[in-house]
Amino acid sequence: MVTSPSVPRLVLAAPSSGSGKTTVATGLMAALTARGLAVSPHKVGPDYIDPGYHALATGRVGRNLDAYLCGAELVAPLFLHGARGCDLAVVEGVMGLYDGAAGEGELASTAHVAKLLRAPVVLVVDASSQSRSVAALVHGFVSWDPEVRVGGVILNKVGSDRHEALLREALDSTGVPVLGVLRRAARVETPSRHLGLVPVAERGAEAVAAVAAMAALVSDGCDLEALVRLARAAGPLPGGAAPWTPGPSPSHRPARPAEKSPPRIAVAGGAAFTFSYAEHSELLAAAGAEVVTFDPLRDEGLPDGTAGLVVGGGFPEVYASELSANEPLREAVAELALSGAPVAAECAGLLYLCRELDGMPMCGVLDASARMAERLTLGYRDAVAVADSALAVAGTRMRGHEFHRTVVEPGAGAAPAWGMRAPERRVEGFVERGVHASYLHTHWASEPGVARRFVERCRTS
């Protein structure tokens, strides 16, 4: 069997959400980084928020590994891309260890990704309300799938020395080593709201302090040497996987007529627009664009020479009044969109392009209004492009993810962006002039032609 280069790696998983995976994974990343290791941070699933804490802990871009959005075949290549030049990689899981895409078996679960990476798993267990029962829980997770190698347990929210002794005694019978014991610690808690944790970009010094506290907690309570040894025992990845690349190397790119400059694509950032995959900007740059980030909360105009605009996800509902107050930028966005320039908007970007959000004026590019809703819309989607757009030709099939607590009315324009194939059939989003706006979050690494098409449209529009 052909094998790929070995990258020491661990997957941090849990029996369920709320067990403390993010605290432990982020703290471990920060603790190992403080010891001089170059740590590559990864997150299973479509989550945008946890990778921000991972980046703060390691000083490297947090990257997602999603077998539903990108396909199982891209998990190892994307992992190797992120882990280039690193001493060790830490992968934070999603939900419970065996929880995947609804109705799809193990697909996109932490266990699935761990098997694709042949990575040992460390199970983070919330032990706050149990003692001897912890052995039954761990035994069940270890024995459920023999292909998943659980190499150790970290006990979280342990109440006392006596509680720890009872837990250790119970786990002796399982043969699974205890690699850490963490006491309850309020200082490591991170605030949440309607879509999960508050992103790093909104917390500033508070986030830095929280990550430092996580590092101290893990350093004090975990056997770091044993965790590193377990990571180094992972061995090579199977199947001859090579690192993913956003485009051909310069020597293999087709020659282009001389241009004055590459098309400039403005990408929204700042506290209101924190949801993006690093690979998107890398793909745009590899396709020949100059990518420039701007902050709609602070900048009163688009970057000079903007030929295209990308507005990803985030929390415009939290910053609606500030976004609305920045009238010069709203007018600049509307002018660009009305000129026919390519504009790609996902979720928060969709809301920003609407006529209004919770009664406050937005860019007015789309004849639609947006408002907060009581119900959370969440889940993977199987979609097909309904109309030709700056992103895709009609019929292009992509998988995506919805994650919002807002409603846009109407939900689709005369030319919808996507037709949903699963879990229910419906149309959604807007294709107007050069605009492609939708609630659907997609990962462009699964369809690199999206970025190339967008850059080409920016070059010729």
Protein backbone atom coordinates (compact mmCIF):
# COMPACT_ATOMS: atom_id res chain seq x y z
CA MET A 1 0.00 0.00 0.00
CA VAL A 2 1.23 3.49 -0.87
CA THR A 3 1.48 5.71 2.19
CA SER A 4 1.78 9.44 2.77
CA PRO A 5 4.26 11.30 4.96
CA SER A 6 3.72 10.91 8.69
CA VAL A 7 2.35 13.89 10.61
CA PRO A 8 2.00 13.37 14.38
CA ARG A 9 -1.67 13.93 15.13
CA LEU A 10 -4.45 13.58 17.67
CA VAL A 11 -8.23 13.85 17.44
CA LEU A 12 -10.00 15.28 20.49
CA ALA A 13 -13.51 13.81 20.68
CA ALA A 14 -16.29 13.49 23.25
CA PRO A 15 -19.39 11.42 23.96
CA SER A 16 -21.59 14.46 23.28
CA SER A 17 -21.59 18.20 22.76
CA GLY A 18 -20.96 20.23 25.90
CA SER A 19 -18.29 17.89 27.26
CA GLY A 20 -15.50 20.46 26.93
CA LYS A 21 -13.88 19.52 23.60
CA THR A 22 -13.18 23.12 22.59
CA THR A 23 -11.67 24.00 25.95
CA VAL A 24 -9.40 20.95 25.98
CA ALA A 25 -8.44 21.06 22.30
CA THR A 26 -7.69 24.79 22.37
CA GLY A 27 -5.84 24.49 25.65
CA LEU A 28 -3.77 21.59 24.32
CA MET A 29 -2.92 23.52 21.15
CA ALA A 30 -1.82 26.53 23.19
CA ALA A 31 0.10 24.46 25.75
CA LEU A 32 2.06 22.59 23.08
CA THR A 33 2.72 25.81 21.17
CA ALA A 34 4.09 27.36 24.38
CA ARG A 35 6.53 24.43 24.54
CA GLY A 36 7.96 25.41 21.18
CA LEU A 37 6.05 23.03 18.92
CA ALA A 38 4.54 24.21 15.65
CA VAL A 39 0.95 23.00 16.06
CA SER A 40 -1.48 22.68 13.15
CA PRO A 41 -5.09 23.32 14.29
CA HIS A 42 -8.08 21.60 12.69
CA LYS A 43 -11.82 21.31 13.33
CA VAL A 44 -14.13 18.52 12.17
CA GLY A 45 -17.29 19.80 10.50
CA PRO A 46 -18.46 23.15 9.15
CA ASP A 47 -17.90 25.19 12.34
CA TYR A 48 -16.38 28.66 11.76
CA ILE A 49 -16.08 29.82 15.37
CA ASP A 50 -13.85 27.23 17.06
CA PRO A 51 -11.08 27.63 14.43
CA GLY A 52 -10.77 31.27 15.51
CA TYR A 53 -9.84 30.14 19.02
CA HIS A 54 -7.51 27.52 17.54
CA ALA A 55 -5.74 30.21 15.50
CA LEU A 56 -5.32 32.35 18.60
CA ALA A 57 -3.82 29.36 20.44
CA THR A 58 -1.33 28.39 17.73
CA GLY A 59 -0.65 31.46 15.62
CA ARG A 60 -1.69 29.45 12.55
CA VAL A 61 -4.87 29.44 10.46
CA GLY A 62 -7.54 27.16 11.88
CA ARG A 63 -8.83 24.81 9.17
CA ASN A 64 -11.91 22.63 8.81
CA LEU A 65 -12.07 18.98 7.81
CA ASP A 66 -15.55 18.18 6.54
CA ALA A 67 -16.18 14.89 4.76
CA TYR A 68 -19.70 15.96 3.76
CA LEU A 69 -18.88 19.35 2.26
CA CYS A 70 -15.60 18.34 0.61
CA GLY A 71 -15.89 14.60 0.22
CA ALA A 72 -13.98 11.94 2.12
CA GLU A 73 -11.24 11.93 -0.51
CA LEU A 74 -10.22 15.51 0.33
CA VAL A 75 -9.96 15.13 4.11
CA ALA A 76 -6.37 13.85 4.16
CA PRO A 77 -5.11 16.26 1.44
CA LEU A 78 -6.67 19.28 3.21
CA PHE A 79 -5.20 18.06 6.50
CA LEU A 80 -1.73 17.79 4.96
CA HIS A 81 -2.11 21.24 3.39
CA GLY A 82 -2.80 22.77 6.78
CA ALA A 83 -0.11 20.76 8.54
CA ARG A 84 2.77 21.71 6.22
CA GLY A 85 5.87 22.47 8.27
CA CYS A 86 4.25 21.58 11.59
CA ASP A 87 5.53 19.33 14.35
CA LEU A 88 2.11 18.05 15.35
CA ALA A 89 -1.58 18.46 14.51
CA VAL A 90 -4.54 18.61 16.87
CA VAL A 91 -8.01 17.98 15.43
CA GLU A 92 -11.05 19.00 17.45
CA GLY A 93 -14.08 16.83 16.82
CA VAL A 94 -17.73 17.77 16.37
CA MET A 95 -20.70 16.78 18.57
CA GLY A 96 -20.38 13.22 19.87
CA LEU A 97 -17.67 10.93 18.49
CA TYR A 98 -20.06 8.95 16.27
CA ASP A 99 -22.50 11.75 15.33
CA GLY A 100 -22.41 12.55 11.62
CA ALA A 101 -24.61 13.96 8.87
CA ALA A 102 -28.25 13.11 9.62
CA GLY A 103 -29.34 9.94 7.88
CA GLU A 104 -25.86 9.34 6.39
CA GLY A 105 -24.40 6.88 8.89
CA GLU A 106 -20.89 7.79 9.98
CA LEU A 107 -20.36 10.35 7.18
CA ALA A 108 -18.69 13.53 8.45
CA SER A 109 -18.56 12.33 12.05
CA THR A 110 -15.46 12.71 14.18
CA ALA A 111 -15.01 8.94 14.03
CA HIS A 112 -15.15 9.03 10.22
CA VAL A 113 -12.50 11.75 10.00
CA ALA A 114 -10.32 9.98 12.58
CA LYS A 115 -10.42 6.84 10.45
CA LEU A 116 -9.65 8.76 7.26
CA LEU A 117 -6.61 10.24 9.01
CA ARG A 118 -5.70 7.06 10.90
CA ALA A 119 -5.40 9.28 13.93
CA PRO A 120 -5.62 8.19 17.56
CA VAL A 121 -8.58 9.60 19.48
CA VAL A 122 -8.53 11.12 22.94
CA LEU A 123 -11.98 11.05 24.52
CA VAL A 124 -12.90 14.11 26.60
CA VAL A 125 -15.47 13.03 29.18
CA ASP A 126 -17.57 15.35 31.33
CA ALA A 127 -17.27 13.46 34.61
CA SER A 128 -19.14 15.99 36.72
CA SER A 129 -22.16 13.77 37.47
CA GLN A 130 -20.74 10.26 37.51
CA SER A 131 -18.15 8.01 39.10
CA ARG A 132 -18.09 4.25 38.34
CA SER A 133 -20.44 4.67 35.37
CA VAL A 134 -17.62 6.39 33.50
CA ALA A 135 -16.12 2.95 32.84
CA ALA A 136 -19.27 1.74 31.08
CA LEU A 137 -19.42 4.92 29.00
CA VAL A 138 -15.78 4.70 27.92
CA HIS A 139 -16.02 0.96 27.26
CA GLY A 140 -19.01 1.56 24.98
CA PHE A 141 -17.27 4.23 22.94
CA VAL A 142 -14.05 2.21 22.66
CA SER A 143 -15.79 -0.99 21.54
CA TRP A 144 -18.46 0.49 19.22
CA ASP A 145 -16.17 0.68 16.17
CA PRO A 146 -12.93 -1.36 16.29
CA GLU A 147 -11.46 0.81 13.51
CA VAL A 148 -11.53 3.86 15.80
CA ARG A 149 -8.50 3.81 18.06
CA VAL A 150 -9.24 5.49 21.38
CA GLY A 151 -5.79 6.03 22.84
CA GLY A 152 -6.76 7.72 26.09
CA VAL A 153 -9.25 9.68 28.14
CA ILE A 154 -9.21 13.18 29.57
CA LEU A 155 -11.62 13.59 32.48
CA ASN A 156 -13.16 17.04 32.56
CA LYS A 157 -15.00 18.92 35.34
CA VAL A 158 -13.76 16.64 38.08
CA GLY A 159 -14.93 17.87 41.48
CA SER A 160 -12.31 16.71 44.01
CA ASP A 161 -9.38 14.41 44.72
CA ARG A 162 -11.85 11.79 45.99
CA HIS A 163 -13.90 12.10 42.81
CA GLU A 164 -10.75 11.68 40.72
CA ALA A 165 -9.74 8.56 42.65
CA LEU A 166 -13.15 6.95 42.04
CA LEU A 167 -12.99 7.72 38.34
CA ARG A 168 -9.46 6.37 37.94
CA GLU A 169 -10.35 3.18 39.84
CA ALA A 170 -13.33 2.59 37.56
CA LEU A 171 -11.34 3.18 34.40
CA ASP A 172 -8.58 0.77 35.39
CA SER A 173 -10.82 -2.07 34.21
CA THR A 174 -11.15 -0.63 30.68
CA GLY A 175 -7.44 -0.58 29.87
CA VAL A 176 -7.80 2.96 28.50
CA PRO A 177 -5.19 5.27 30.03
CA VAL A 178 -6.21 8.48 31.75
CA LEU A 179 -4.15 11.20 30.06
CA GLY A 180 -5.55 14.13 31.97
CA VAL A 181 -7.81 15.23 34.81
CA LEU A 182 -9.21 18.74 34.73
CA ARG A 183 -11.00 20.47 37.57
CA ARG A 184 -13.97 22.76 37.07
CA ALA A 185 -12.65 26.20 36.09
CA ALA A 186 -14.92 29.17 35.42
CA ARG A 187 -12.05 31.21 33.98
CA VAL A 188 -11.90 29.07 30.83
CA GLU A 189 -15.58 29.43 29.97
CA THR A 190 -16.41 31.33 26.79
CA PRO A 191 -19.68 33.24 26.31
CA SER A 192 -22.30 31.93 23.91
CA ARG A 193 -25.30 33.30 22.05
CA HIS A 194 -27.81 32.15 19.41
CA LEU A 195 -25.26 30.51 17.06
CA GLY A 196 -22.72 29.21 19.59
CA LEU A 197 -19.58 30.75 21.05
CA VAL A 198 -18.89 34.45 20.60
CA PRO A 199 -16.12 34.66 17.96
CA VAL A 200 -12.57 35.66 18.84
CA ALA A 201 -12.77 38.78 16.65
CA GLU A 202 -15.47 40.20 18.93
CA ARG A 203 -13.75 39.52 22.27
CA GLY A 204 -10.23 40.89 21.84
CA ALA A 205 -8.24 40.74 25.08
CA GLU A 206 -10.91 38.59 26.74
CA ALA A 207 -10.35 35.86 24.18
CA VAL A 208 -6.58 36.04 24.65
CA ALA A 209 -7.02 35.66 28.41
CA ALA A 210 -9.46 32.77 27.99
CA VAL A 211 -7.07 30.86 25.72
CA ALA A 212 -4.21 31.46 28.17
CA ALA A 213 -6.40 30.05 30.95
CA MET A 214 -7.23 27.00 28.82
CA ALA A 215 -3.51 26.43 28.22
CA ALA A 216 -2.76 26.65 31.94
CA LEU A 217 -5.59 24.26 32.79
CA VAL A 218 -4.41 21.65 30.28
CA SER A 219 -0.73 22.07 31.18
CA ASP A 220 -1.50 21.53 34.86
CA GLY A 221 -3.95 18.69 34.43
CA CYS A 222 -2.75 16.67 31.43
CA ASP A 223 0.25 14.48 30.69
CA LEU A 224 1.55 16.45 27.71
CA GLU A 225 4.44 14.06 27.10
CA ALA A 226 2.06 11.11 26.88
CA LEU A 227 -0.21 13.02 24.51
CA VAL A 228 2.71 13.87 22.24
CA ARG A 229 3.86 10.23 22.27
CA LEU A 230 0.37 9.14 21.27
CA ALA A 231 0.33 11.68 18.42
CA ARG A 232 3.71 10.48 17.18
CA ALA A 233 2.45 6.88 17.13
CA ALA A 234 -0.15 7.76 14.46
CA GLY A 235 2.11 6.66 11.59
CA PRO A 236 1.76 7.64 7.92
CA LEU A 237 -1.56 8.44 6.31
CA PRO A 238 -2.87 5.74 3.95
CA GLY A 239 -3.52 5.90 0.26
CA GLY A 240 -0.68 8.06 -0.94
CA ALA A 241 -2.47 11.30 -0.09
CA ALA A 242 -0.64 14.45 -1.14
CA PRO A 243 -1.21 17.92 0.31
CA TRP A 244 -4.09 19.79 -1.29
CA THR A 245 -3.08 22.77 -3.37
CA PRO A 246 -5.32 25.70 -4.38
CA GLY A 247 -3.98 25.74 -7.92
CA PRO A 248 -1.27 24.54 -10.27
CA SER A 249 2.30 25.54 -9.55
CA PRO A 250 3.55 28.63 -11.44
CA SER A 251 5.53 26.44 -13.84
CA HIS A 252 2.36 24.55 -14.83
CA ARG A 253 0.00 27.50 -15.26
CA PRO A 254 -1.03 28.29 -18.82
CA ALA A 255 0.41 31.48 -20.21
CA ARG A 256 -1.91 34.50 -20.14
CA PRO A 257 -1.75 37.70 -22.12
CA ALA A 258 0.05 40.42 -20.22
CA GLU A 259 -2.24 42.28 -17.83
CA LYS A 260 -1.75 45.58 -16.06
CA SER A 261 -2.72 44.02 -12.75
CA PRO A 262 -4.73 41.08 -11.38
CA PRO A 263 -8.40 41.71 -10.59
CA ARG A 264 -8.84 42.96 -7.06
CA ILE A 265 -11.42 41.05 -5.02
CA ALA A 266 -12.61 42.59 -1.75
CA VAL A 267 -13.43 40.10 1.02
CA ALA A 268 -15.50 41.27 3.99
CA GLY A 269 -13.96 40.68 7.41
CA GLY A 270 -14.00 42.23 10.85
CA ALA A 271 -16.27 41.38 13.76
CA ALA A 272 -19.49 41.25 11.72
CA PHE A 273 -18.19 38.84 9.05
CA THR A 274 -16.03 36.20 10.72
CA PHE A 275 -17.24 33.07 8.92
CA SER A 276 -14.93 32.05 6.10
CA TYR A 277 -12.77 29.15 5.04
CA ALA A 278 -9.12 30.02 4.50
CA GLU A 279 -9.09 27.93 1.33
CA HIS A 280 -11.49 30.36 -0.39
CA SER A 281 -9.02 33.24 -0.39
CA GLU A 282 -6.23 30.82 -1.31
CA LEU A 283 -8.24 29.59 -4.30
CA LEU A 284 -9.02 33.13 -5.43
CA ALA A 285 -5.35 34.09 -5.21
CA ALA A 286 -4.27 30.93 -7.04
CA ALA A 287 -6.74 31.79 -9.81
CA GLY A 288 -4.97 35.09 -10.32
CA ALA A 289 -6.80 37.55 -8.06
CA GLU A 290 -5.47 40.07 -5.61
CA VAL A 291 -7.44 39.43 -2.41
CA VAL A 292 -7.97 42.42 -0.11
CA THR A 293 -9.83 42.25 3.20
CA PHE A 294 -11.98 45.14 4.41
CA ASP A 295 -14.16 45.73 7.48
CA PRO A 296 -17.75 46.85 6.81
CA LEU A 297 -17.97 48.16 10.37
CA ARG A 298 -15.03 50.53 9.92
CA ASP A 299 -14.28 51.16 6.25
CA GLU A 300 -16.44 53.72 4.49
CA GLY A 301 -15.55 52.50 1.02
CA LEU A 302 -14.50 49.39 -0.84
CA PRO A 303 -10.78 48.97 -1.57
CA ASP A 304 -9.69 51.04 -4.55
CA GLY A 305 -10.12 49.21 -7.83
CA THR A 306 -12.44 46.52 -6.47
CA ALA A 307 -13.57 44.29 -9.33
CA GLY A 308 -15.47 41.71 -7.29
CA LEU A 309 -16.84 41.28 -3.79
CA VAL A 310 -17.11 38.31 -1.43
CA VAL A 311 -19.23 38.70 1.72
CA GLY A 312 -19.28 35.53 3.80
CA GLY A 313 -21.01 34.55 7.02
CA GLY A 314 -21.04 36.14 10.43
CA PHE A 315 -23.30 38.13 12.70
CA PRO A 316 -24.76 41.14 10.86
CA GLU A 317 -27.84 40.83 13.08
CA VAL A 318 -25.68 41.68 16.09
CA TYR A 319 -24.16 44.68 14.30
CA ALA A 320 -27.15 45.75 12.25
CA SER A 321 -27.22 49.31 13.59
CA GLU A 322 -23.49 49.86 12.94
CA LEU A 323 -23.68 48.34 9.46
CA SER A 324 -26.70 50.47 8.67
CA ALA A 325 -24.97 53.61 9.96
CA ASN A 326 -22.09 53.09 7.51
CA GLU A 327 -24.09 54.58 4.65
CA PRO A 328 -21.11 55.39 2.39
CA LEU A 329 -20.07 51.74 2.28
CA ARG A 330 -23.63 50.53 1.73
CA GLU A 331 -23.88 52.85 -1.25
CA ALA A 332 -20.53 51.66 -2.60
CA VAL A 333 -21.61 48.01 -2.37
CA ALA A 334 -24.90 48.79 -4.12
CA GLU A 335 -23.11 50.70 -6.87
CA LEU A 336 -20.68 47.83 -7.45
CA ALA A 337 -23.48 45.25 -7.56
CA LEU A 338 -25.65 47.35 -9.88
CA SER A 339 -22.69 47.72 -12.26
CA GLY A 340 -22.82 43.97 -12.85
CA ALA A 341 -19.58 43.19 -11.02
CA PRO A 342 -19.40 39.69 -9.51
CA VAL A 343 -20.63 39.53 -5.91
CA ALA A 344 -20.72 36.31 -3.87
CA ALA A 345 -22.70 36.50 -0.62
CA GLU A 346 -23.29 33.68 1.85
CA CYS A 347 -25.70 33.86 4.79
CA ALA A 348 -24.59 37.05 6.57
CA GLY A 349 -23.64 38.44 3.18
CA LEU A 350 -27.16 37.69 1.95
CA LEU A 351 -28.62 39.70 4.85
CA TYR A 352 -26.25 42.58 4.17
CA LEU A 353 -27.37 42.79 0.54
CA CYS A 354 -31.07 42.92 1.49
CA ARG A 355 -33.18 46.05 1.59
CA GLU A 356 -33.34 45.94 5.40
CA LEU A 357 -32.42 43.82 8.40
CA ASP A 358 -34.73 44.03 11.43
CA GLY A 359 -36.07 47.28 10.03
CA MET A 360 -32.65 48.90 9.55
CA PRO A 361 -31.51 49.84 6.04
CA MET A 362 -28.88 47.60 4.45
CA CYS A 363 -27.36 47.76 0.95
CA GLY A 364 -30.61 47.39 -0.98
CA VAL A 365 -29.04 45.24 -3.68
CA LEU A 366 -31.82 42.65 -3.30
CA ASP A 367 -35.52 43.46 -3.11
CA ALA A 368 -35.92 41.43 0.07
CA SER A 369 -36.06 42.04 3.80
CA ALA A 370 -34.43 40.05 6.61
CA ARG A 371 -35.32 39.61 10.25
CA MET A 372 -34.39 37.56 13.27
CA ALA A 373 -36.45 34.40 13.81
CA GLU A 374 -37.24 32.17 16.77
CA ARG A 375 -36.22 28.94 15.04
CA LEU A 376 -32.66 27.93 14.27
CA THR A 377 -32.09 26.59 10.76
CA LEU A 378 -29.22 24.12 10.86
CA GLY A 379 -28.00 21.24 8.77
CA TYR A 380 -26.21 19.90 5.72
CA ARG A 381 -27.77 20.41 2.30
CA ASP A 382 -27.39 18.74 -1.08
CA ALA A 383 -27.87 21.48 -3.69
CA VAL A 384 -27.72 22.15 -7.41
CA ALA A 385 -27.20 25.52 -9.11
CA VAL A 386 -30.48 26.62 -10.69
CA ALA A 387 -29.16 29.47 -12.85
CA ASP A 388 -25.87 30.43 -14.44
CA SER A 389 -24.02 32.82 -12.13
CA ALA A 390 -20.62 34.29 -11.39
CA LEU A 391 -19.95 31.21 -9.26
CA ALA A 392 -21.32 28.27 -11.21
CA VAL A 393 -23.11 27.15 -14.32
CA ALA A 394 -26.63 25.82 -13.97
CA GLY A 395 -26.61 22.17 -12.98
CA THR A 396 -23.46 22.38 -10.86
CA ARG A 397 -24.00 20.19 -7.81
CA MET A 398 -22.51 21.19 -4.47
CA ARG A 399 -22.99 20.24 -0.88
CA GLY A 400 -23.43 22.97 1.69
CA HIS A 401 -24.49 23.85 5.20
CA GLU A 402 -27.13 26.19 6.62
CA PHE A 403 -26.68 27.79 10.03
CA HIS A 404 -28.81 30.82 10.84
CA ARG A 405 -31.59 32.20 13.01
CA THR A 406 -32.91 34.70 10.51
CA VAL A 407 -35.48 34.72 7.72
CA VAL A 408 -35.29 36.46 4.34
CA GLU A 409 -38.55 37.32 2.60
CA PRO A 410 -38.94 36.35 -0.18
CA GLY A 411 -36.63 33.38 0.23
CA ALA A 412 -35.76 33.22 -3.46
CA GLY A 413 -35.63 35.54 -6.43
CA ALA A 414 -36.92 35.12 -9.97
CA ALA A 415 -33.66 33.25 -10.64
CA PRO A 416 -32.88 31.29 -7.45
CA ALA A 417 -29.30 30.45 -6.51
CA TRP A 418 -29.82 26.85 -5.44
CA GLY A 419 -32.31 24.06 -5.72
CA MET A 420 -32.12 21.94 -2.58
CA ARG A 421 -32.17 18.21 -3.25
CA ALA A 422 -32.01 17.11 0.38
CA PRO A 423 -33.22 16.98 3.07
CA GLU A 424 -36.21 18.73 1.42
CA ARG A 425 -36.80 20.00 -2.09
CA ARG A 426 -37.03 23.78 -2.44
CA VAL A 427 -35.35 26.70 -4.14
CA GLU A 428 -33.39 29.35 -2.30
CA GLY A 429 -31.29 32.45 -2.85
CA PHE A 430 -30.86 35.03 -5.60
CA VAL A 431 -28.99 35.34 -8.89
CA GLU A 432 -29.26 38.89 -10.24
CA ARG A 433 -26.77 40.60 -12.59
CA GLY A 434 -23.40 39.51 -11.16
CA VAL A 435 -24.79 38.72 -7.71
CA HIS A 436 -25.00 35.23 -6.24
CA ALA A 437 -26.58 35.45 -2.76
CA SER A 438 -27.74 32.55 -0.62
CA TYR A 439 -27.97 31.19 2.91
CA LEU A 440 -25.92 28.17 1.84
CA HIS A 441 -22.33 27.95 3.08
CA THR A 442 -20.18 25.96 0.66
CA HIS A 443 -16.54 24.86 0.71
CA TRP A 444 -14.95 25.81 -2.59
CA ALA A 445 -12.18 23.21 -2.28
CA SER A 446 -14.82 20.66 -3.30
CA GLU A 447 -15.35 22.51 -6.59
CA PRO A 448 -12.29 24.67 -7.41
CA GLY A 449 -13.93 25.80 -10.64
CA VAL A 450 -16.13 28.10 -8.53
CA ALA A 451 -13.17 30.31 -7.62
CA ARG A 452 -11.69 30.22 -11.12
CA ARG A 453 -15.03 31.18 -12.67
CA PHE A 454 -15.49 34.02 -10.18
CA VAL A 455 -12.01 35.45 -10.85
CA GLU A 456 -12.52 35.20 -14.60
CA ARG A 457 -15.78 37.10 -14.30
CA CYS A 458 -13.99 39.76 -12.24
CA ARG A 459 -11.34 39.98 -14.94
CA THR A 460 -13.83 40.46 -17.77
CA SER A 461 -16.79 42.30 -16.22
